[in-house]
Amino acid sequence: MSFLCVKDLHKSYPSGNTVVRVLRGLSLQLEEGDLLAVLGASGSGKSTFLHLVGAMEQPDSGSIMYQGVNIVARHAQQLARFRNEKIGFVFQFHHLLPEFTALENVIFPLLIRGEAVTKCRAVAERLLDEVGLRERAGHKPGELSGGEQQRVAIARALAGSPRIILADEPTGNLDTRTAESVHHLFQRLHVERKFTAIIVTHNPALAGICHHKKLLQDGKLVNYPDVGIFGAYA
């Protein structure tokens, strides 16, 4: 049984008097510990795919099985708990809470789970240390660089020890040098924590650290060529 099995996923959105079909029978299987890069042209449905796998939206049809359990069949309260306990999200624009410190941003998901404050603080401090931000724990997002903010976002995603990380263009707003440091951080954390990850990216260097690469094209995932067309989707 695969860790994640997505089968025949369809998703459409209304657009005026028409319907835009974004995903058209998308299927995927991942084993635990896999790193998958998903590439594709802008508007191809990459973010939609992540939102569905992350239980943030519901598909029109199809199944999304985590270790044999179809999350599509679950109701909203179950999905909220599933997201909080099993999935860590990393977004392009960080989505950190601007009024809270880096430490408080990492603590927040754990508090939602009902963990004791002292335990939450200890976990958050350890994670900020892991991503190299121990000395910046008391700073608010506006006082941090873009790379530091993304490191906080990664620490927050890992706070609940999720089984799977979903990252949507995690280095899309970073300069080349900072993006490279985030690549190395992500790779090291994967080795240490052994999570499964799906990374949507236009960055060939980030895709290069992954075990598998897929291209989202015409609403389906297809094998990504090793050479030749990276530039077409940059």
Protein backbone atom coordinates (compact mmCIF):
# COMPACT_ATOMS: atom_id res chain seq x y z
CA MET A 1 0.00 0.00 0.00
CA SER A 2 1.45 3.37 -1.04
CA PHE A 3 1.80 6.17 1.49
CA LEU A 4 -0.14 8.52 -0.82
CA CYS A 5 -2.30 7.37 -3.71
CA VAL A 6 -4.19 9.93 -5.79
CA LYS A 7 -6.51 8.42 -8.38
CA ASP A 8 -8.44 10.00 -11.25
CA LEU A 9 -8.67 13.46 -9.69
CA HIS A 10 -10.89 16.02 -11.44
CA LYS A 11 -11.35 19.67 -10.52
CA SER A 12 -13.16 22.46 -12.37
CA TYR A 13 -14.00 26.09 -11.62
CA PRO A 14 -16.75 28.29 -13.05
CA SER A 15 -15.55 31.22 -15.18
CA GLY A 16 -18.37 33.43 -16.40
CA ASN A 17 -20.66 31.30 -18.51
CA THR A 18 -18.09 28.53 -18.90
CA VAL A 19 -16.34 25.96 -16.75
CA VAL A 20 -12.55 25.72 -16.67
CA ARG A 21 -11.36 22.14 -16.25
CA VAL A 22 -8.10 22.34 -14.31
CA LEU A 23 -7.38 18.73 -13.36
CA ARG A 24 -8.52 15.98 -15.72
CA GLY A 25 -7.98 12.55 -14.25
CA LEU A 26 -4.73 13.23 -12.38
CA SER A 27 -3.18 10.21 -10.64
CA LEU A 28 -0.08 9.79 -8.47
CA GLN A 29 1.54 7.34 -6.07
CA LEU A 30 4.21 8.22 -3.50
CA GLU A 31 6.01 6.08 -0.96
CA GLU A 32 6.83 7.32 2.52
CA GLY A 33 9.95 9.49 2.48
CA ASP A 34 9.67 10.42 -1.21
CA LEU A 35 10.51 13.93 -2.40
CA LEU A 36 8.48 14.92 -5.47
CA ALA A 37 8.93 18.09 -7.54
CA VAL A 38 5.94 19.20 -9.61
CA LEU A 39 6.69 21.56 -12.46
CA GLY A 40 4.48 23.10 -15.11
CA ALA A 41 3.46 26.27 -16.87
CA SER A 42 1.74 29.05 -14.93
CA GLY A 43 -1.97 28.30 -14.70
CA SER A 44 -1.53 24.58 -15.25
CA GLY A 45 -3.14 23.71 -11.89
CA LYS A 46 -0.11 23.09 -9.66
CA SER A 47 -1.45 25.06 -6.70
CA THR A 48 -4.90 23.54 -7.15
CA PHE A 49 -3.30 20.09 -6.97
CA LEU A 50 -1.55 20.97 -3.70
CA HIS A 51 -4.74 22.41 -2.21
CA LEU A 52 -6.58 19.17 -2.97
CA VAL A 53 -3.85 16.91 -1.61
CA GLY A 54 -3.65 19.16 1.44
CA ALA A 55 -7.39 18.84 2.11
CA MET A 56 -7.88 22.58 1.65
CA GLU A 57 -10.32 22.02 -1.21
CA GLN A 58 -12.48 19.14 -2.36
CA PRO A 59 -12.18 17.59 -5.85
CA ASP A 60 -15.14 17.18 -8.19
CA SER A 61 -14.35 13.47 -8.29
CA GLY A 62 -11.55 11.02 -7.61
CA SER A 63 -9.84 9.78 -4.46
CA ILE A 64 -6.92 10.89 -2.29
CA MET A 65 -5.73 8.03 -0.11
CA TYR A 66 -3.29 8.51 2.76
CA GLN A 67 -2.17 5.06 3.92
CA GLY A 68 -5.40 3.56 2.67
CA VAL A 69 -7.75 6.23 4.08
CA ASN A 70 -9.68 8.31 1.55
CA ILE A 71 -9.68 11.89 2.86
CA VAL A 72 -12.18 12.94 0.19
CA ALA A 73 -14.84 11.02 2.12
CA ARG A 74 -14.22 12.91 5.38
CA HIS A 75 -16.27 15.83 6.67
CA ALA A 76 -14.92 19.34 7.36
CA GLN A 77 -14.07 18.83 11.04
CA GLN A 78 -12.14 15.65 10.31
CA LEU A 79 -10.27 17.37 7.48
CA ALA A 80 -9.28 20.28 9.72
CA ARG A 81 -7.85 17.85 12.27
CA PHE A 82 -6.11 15.87 9.52
CA ARG A 83 -4.45 19.03 8.15
CA ASN A 84 -3.29 20.12 11.59
CA GLU A 85 -1.87 16.73 12.59
CA LYS A 86 -0.54 15.23 9.36
CA ILE A 87 0.37 18.02 6.92
CA GLY A 88 2.81 20.92 6.99
CA PHE A 89 2.39 23.74 4.48
CA VAL A 90 5.08 26.05 3.13
CA PHE A 91 3.89 28.86 0.85
CA GLN A 92 5.66 31.28 -1.47
CA PHE A 93 4.52 34.31 0.52
CA HIS A 94 5.25 32.84 3.98
CA HIS A 95 1.84 33.78 5.49
CA LEU A 96 3.45 34.52 8.83
CA LEU A 97 1.37 36.44 11.38
CA PRO A 98 2.96 39.92 11.31
CA GLU A 99 2.05 40.89 14.89
CA PHE A 100 3.74 37.80 16.37
CA THR A 101 7.42 36.96 16.78
CA ALA A 102 9.15 34.16 14.91
CA LEU A 103 8.85 31.99 18.02
CA GLU A 104 5.15 32.73 18.41
CA ASN A 105 4.50 31.95 14.73
CA VAL A 106 6.04 28.50 15.17
CA ILE A 107 4.18 27.92 18.44
CA PHE A 108 0.77 28.82 17.00
CA PRO A 109 -0.06 25.50 15.19
CA LEU A 110 0.82 23.56 18.32
CA LEU A 111 -1.47 25.67 20.48
CA ILE A 112 -4.31 24.91 18.06
CA ARG A 113 -3.69 21.23 18.77
CA GLY A 114 -4.14 21.86 22.48
CA GLU A 115 -0.53 21.22 23.48
CA ALA A 116 0.76 22.68 26.75
CA VAL A 117 2.37 26.11 26.36
CA THR A 118 5.69 25.03 27.89
CA LYS A 119 5.93 22.07 25.52
CA CYS A 120 5.00 24.27 22.52
CA ARG A 121 7.71 26.75 23.41
CA ALA A 122 10.36 24.04 23.77
CA VAL A 123 9.44 22.51 20.39
CA ALA A 124 9.43 25.92 18.68
CA GLU A 125 12.80 26.91 20.15
CA ARG A 126 14.32 23.63 18.99
CA LEU A 127 12.95 24.08 15.46
CA LEU A 128 14.19 27.66 15.17
CA ASP A 129 17.59 26.37 16.27
CA GLU A 130 17.42 23.68 13.56
CA VAL A 131 16.78 26.28 10.85
CA GLY A 132 19.51 28.59 12.17
CA LEU A 133 17.32 31.28 13.70
CA ARG A 134 17.81 30.85 17.45
CA GLU A 135 19.02 34.43 17.78
CA ARG A 136 16.07 35.79 15.78
CA ALA A 137 13.30 34.08 17.76
CA GLY A 138 12.08 37.35 19.29
CA HIS A 139 11.90 39.24 16.00
CA LYS A 140 8.66 39.87 14.11
CA PRO A 141 8.41 38.99 10.38
CA GLY A 142 8.88 42.63 9.32
CA GLU A 143 12.27 42.58 11.04
CA LEU A 144 13.44 39.47 9.17
CA SER A 145 14.85 39.05 5.67
CA GLY A 146 12.90 37.09 3.04
CA GLY A 147 15.11 34.05 3.56
CA GLU A 148 14.70 34.24 7.33
CA GLN A 149 10.93 34.50 6.98
CA GLN A 150 10.89 31.38 4.82
CA ARG A 151 12.99 29.54 7.39
CA VAL A 152 10.43 30.48 10.04
CA ALA A 153 7.70 29.21 7.71
CA ILE A 154 9.54 25.90 7.32
CA ALA A 155 9.96 25.61 11.09
CA ARG A 156 6.24 26.31 11.53
CA ALA A 157 5.38 23.64 8.94
CA LEU A 158 7.44 21.10 10.89
CA ALA A 159 6.10 22.07 14.32
CA GLY A 160 3.58 19.24 14.56
CA SER A 161 5.97 16.60 13.14
CA PRO A 162 3.82 16.15 10.01
CA ARG A 163 4.13 13.08 7.82
CA ILE A 164 3.96 15.13 4.62
CA ILE A 165 5.15 18.61 3.64
CA LEU A 166 3.42 20.50 0.82
CA ALA A 167 5.46 23.41 -0.50
CA ASP A 168 4.14 25.88 -3.09
CA GLU A 169 6.99 27.79 -4.78
CA PRO A 170 8.91 27.98 -1.48
CA THR A 171 11.84 29.89 -3.05
CA GLY A 172 9.86 31.83 -5.65
CA ASN A 173 10.44 35.21 -3.97
CA LEU A 174 14.06 34.67 -2.99
CA ASP A 175 17.28 35.66 -4.72
CA THR A 176 19.47 32.88 -6.10
CA ARG A 177 21.87 32.70 -3.16
CA THR A 178 19.13 32.73 -0.53
CA ALA A 179 17.09 30.19 -2.49
CA GLU A 180 20.09 27.87 -2.59
CA SER A 181 20.47 28.06 1.19
CA VAL A 182 16.79 27.13 1.57
CA HIS A 183 17.32 24.19 -0.81
CA HIS A 184 20.14 22.88 1.37
CA LEU A 185 18.07 23.41 4.52
CA PHE A 186 15.11 21.53 3.07
CA GLN A 187 17.34 18.67 1.96
CA ARG A 188 19.01 18.40 5.38
CA LEU A 189 15.71 18.48 7.24
CA HIS A 190 14.33 15.77 4.98
CA VAL A 191 17.29 13.51 5.74
CA GLU A 192 16.93 14.14 9.48
CA ARG A 193 13.13 13.96 9.75
CA LYS A 194 12.30 11.59 6.87
CA PHE A 195 9.06 13.34 5.89
CA THR A 196 7.38 12.94 2.50
CA ALA A 197 7.18 16.12 0.43
CA ILE A 198 5.55 17.51 -2.70
CA ILE A 199 7.23 20.70 -3.91
CA VAL A 200 5.66 22.85 -6.60
CA THR A 201 8.47 24.87 -8.17
CA HIS A 202 9.79 26.61 -11.27
CA ASN A 203 13.32 26.30 -9.90
CA PRO A 204 15.34 23.50 -11.57
CA ALA A 205 17.89 23.53 -8.73
CA LEU A 206 15.18 22.86 -6.16
CA ALA A 207 13.64 20.19 -8.40
CA GLY A 208 17.10 18.65 -8.65
CA ILE A 209 17.23 17.70 -4.96
CA CYS A 210 14.02 15.64 -5.31
CA HIS A 211 13.77 11.90 -5.93
CA HIS A 212 11.08 12.32 -8.58
CA LYS A 213 9.99 15.04 -11.01
CA LYS A 214 6.58 15.33 -12.61
CA LEU A 215 5.17 17.78 -15.13
CA LEU A 216 1.58 18.94 -14.72
CA GLN A 217 0.29 19.20 -18.25
CA ASP A 218 -3.25 19.13 -19.64
CA GLY A 219 -4.62 18.40 -16.19
CA LYS A 220 -2.48 15.32 -15.54
CA LEU A 221 0.93 14.49 -14.07
CA VAL A 222 3.41 13.06 -16.56
CA ASN A 223 7.03 12.02 -16.17
CA TYR A 224 9.37 14.99 -16.42
CA PRO A 225 12.27 14.70 -18.88
CA ASP A 226 15.70 14.88 -17.31
CA VAL A 227 16.95 17.32 -19.92
CA GLY A 228 15.76 19.75 -22.51
CA ILE A 229 12.74 21.71 -21.34
CA PHE A 230 13.40 23.20 -17.92
CA GLY A 231 13.61 26.63 -19.53
CA ALA A 232 10.11 26.34 -20.97
CA TYR A 233 8.66 26.34 -17.46
CA ALA A 234 11.00 28.75 -15.73
